Amino acid sequence: MQTISYKKLWKLLIDKDMLKKDLAQKAKISPTSIAKLSKNENVNTEILQKICNALDCDICDIMEMVESSSDAEGEN
């Protein structure tokens, strides 16, 4: 099974020399949304759109589908 990963978002923030709190302010999203993203939890697509607009990027620049770790362990 695949799951969403936001590692690309965190790498993009590093490249832009931004902190998570900077992103929250620029994208006008709550600290709760940032916390959900940090845990690779589901967020509203409106949140993702705000992030893309704030960072001037596409959705594929901030997220990707990855194999879940529990599936990888079960394949041994």
C-alpha atoms as a PDB file:
ATOM      1  CA  MET A   1       0.000   0.000   0.000  1.00  0.00           C
ATOM      2  CA  GLN A   2       1.184   3.506  -0.737  1.00  0.00           C
ATOM      3  CA  THR A   3       1.024   6.527   1.512  1.00  0.00           C
ATOM      4  CA  ILE A   4       1.627  10.267   1.100  1.00  0.00           C
ATOM      5  CA  SER A   5       5.019  11.729   2.001  1.00  0.00           C
ATOM      6  CA  TYR A   6       5.729  15.446   2.358  1.00  0.00           C
ATOM      7  CA  LYS A   7       9.534  15.072   2.427  1.00  0.00           C
ATOM      8  CA  LYS A   8       9.698  17.061  -0.809  1.00  0.00           C
ATOM      9  CA  LEU A   9       8.002  19.982   0.967  1.00  0.00           C
ATOM     10  CA  TRP A  10      10.569  20.000   3.787  1.00  0.00           C
ATOM     11  CA  LYS A  11      13.447  19.821   1.284  1.00  0.00           C
ATOM     12  CA  LEU A  12      11.906  22.709  -0.654  1.00  0.00           C
ATOM     13  CA  LEU A  13      11.705  24.774   2.532  1.00  0.00           C
ATOM     14  CA  ILE A  14      15.397  24.107   3.172  1.00  0.00           C
ATOM     15  CA  ASP A  15      16.235  25.172  -0.388  1.00  0.00           C
ATOM     16  CA  LYS A  16      14.247  28.380   0.105  1.00  0.00           C
ATOM     17  CA  ASP A  17      15.813  28.957   3.542  1.00  0.00           C
ATOM     18  CA  MET A  18      12.382  28.929   5.189  1.00  0.00           C
ATOM     19  CA  LEU A  19      11.159  27.568   8.486  1.00  0.00           C
ATOM     20  CA  LYS A  20       7.837  25.813   9.004  1.00  0.00           C
ATOM     21  CA  LYS A  21       6.520  28.882  10.822  1.00  0.00           C
ATOM     22  CA  ASP A  22       7.531  31.017   7.801  1.00  0.00           C
ATOM     23  CA  LEU A  23       5.512  28.714   5.561  1.00  0.00           C
ATOM     24  CA  ALA A  24       2.510  28.899   7.888  1.00  0.00           C
ATOM     25  CA  GLN A  25       2.589  32.700   7.779  1.00  0.00           C
ATOM     26  CA  LYS A  26       3.188  33.003   4.031  1.00  0.00           C
ATOM     27  CA  ALA A  27       0.571  30.392   3.078  1.00  0.00           C
ATOM     28  CA  LYS A  28      -1.841  31.565   5.799  1.00  0.00           C
ATOM     29  CA  ILE A  29      -2.284  28.073   7.233  1.00  0.00           C
ATOM     30  CA  SER A  30      -2.529  27.023  10.860  1.00  0.00           C
ATOM     31  CA  PRO A  31       0.191  25.460  13.003  1.00  0.00           C
ATOM     32  CA  THR A  32      -2.147  22.460  13.252  1.00  0.00           C
ATOM     33  CA  SER A  33      -1.944  21.974   9.479  1.00  0.00           C
ATOM     34  CA  ILE A  34       1.864  22.170   9.646  1.00  0.00           C
ATOM     35  CA  ALA A  35       1.826  19.533  12.400  1.00  0.00           C
ATOM     36  CA  LYS A  36      -0.352  17.235  10.269  1.00  0.00           C
ATOM     37  CA  LEU A  37       1.992  17.660   7.314  1.00  0.00           C
ATOM     38  CA  SER A  38       4.969  16.878   9.564  1.00  0.00           C
ATOM     39  CA  LYS A  39       3.321  13.565  10.471  1.00  0.00           C
ATOM     40  CA  ASN A  40       2.359  12.793   6.841  1.00  0.00           C
ATOM     41  CA  GLU A  41      -1.294  12.955   7.854  1.00  0.00           C
ATOM     42  CA  ASN A  42      -4.189  13.915   5.593  1.00  0.00           C
ATOM     43  CA  VAL A  43      -4.817  17.605   5.005  1.00  0.00           C
ATOM     44  CA  ASN A  44      -7.448  19.403   2.982  1.00  0.00           C
ATOM     45  CA  THR A  45      -6.564  20.049  -0.650  1.00  0.00           C
ATOM     46  CA  GLU A  46      -7.171  23.754   0.027  1.00  0.00           C
ATOM     47  CA  ILE A  47      -4.164  23.652   2.386  1.00  0.00           C
ATOM     48  CA  LEU A  48      -2.014  22.075  -0.323  1.00  0.00           C
ATOM     49  CA  GLN A  49      -3.169  24.696  -2.814  1.00  0.00           C
ATOM     50  CA  LYS A  50      -2.252  27.513  -0.406  1.00  0.00           C
ATOM     51  CA  ILE A  51       1.214  26.003   0.053  1.00  0.00           C
ATOM     52  CA  CYS A  52       1.761  25.684  -3.695  1.00  0.00           C
ATOM     53  CA  ASN A  53       0.636  29.264  -4.250  1.00  0.00           C
ATOM     54  CA  ALA A  54       2.876  30.565  -1.450  1.00  0.00           C
ATOM     55  CA  LEU A  55       5.926  28.659  -2.708  1.00  0.00           C
ATOM     56  CA  ASP A  56       5.124  29.147  -6.407  1.00  0.00           C
ATOM     57  CA  CYS A  57       5.357  25.431  -7.081  1.00  0.00           C
ATOM     58  CA  ASP A  58       3.295  22.478  -8.304  1.00  0.00           C
ATOM     59  CA  ILE A  59       1.698  19.812  -6.119  1.00  0.00           C
ATOM     60  CA  CYS A  60       4.274  17.238  -7.228  1.00  0.00           C
ATOM     61  CA  ASP A  61       7.001  19.513  -5.812  1.00  0.00           C
ATOM     62  CA  ILE A  62       5.698  19.125  -2.255  1.00  0.00           C
ATOM     63  CA  MET A  63       4.350  15.581  -2.003  1.00  0.00           C
ATOM     64  CA  GLU A  64       4.749  12.081  -3.403  1.00  0.00           C
ATOM     65  CA  MET A  65       3.367   8.587  -3.012  1.00  0.00           C
ATOM     66  CA  VAL A  66       5.705   6.146  -1.259  1.00  0.00           C
ATOM     67  CA  GLU A  67       5.430   2.557  -0.135  1.00  0.00           C
ATOM     68  CA  SER A  68       4.292   2.410   3.476  1.00  0.00           C
ATOM     69  CA  SER A  69       6.871   1.021   5.898  1.00  0.00           C
ATOM     70  CA  SER A  70       4.476  -1.648   7.201  1.00  0.00           C
ATOM     71  CA  ASP A  71       4.128  -3.070   3.667  1.00  0.00           C
ATOM     72  CA  ALA A  72       7.882  -3.130   3.179  1.00  0.00           C
ATOM     73  CA  GLU A  73       8.288  -5.113   6.412  1.00  0.00           C
ATOM     74  CA  GLY A  74       5.602  -7.602   5.378  1.00  0.00           C
ATOM     75  CA  GLU A  75       7.348  -8.486   2.107  1.00  0.00           C
ATOM     76  CA  ASN A  76      10.282 -10.285   3.757  1.00  0.00           C
END
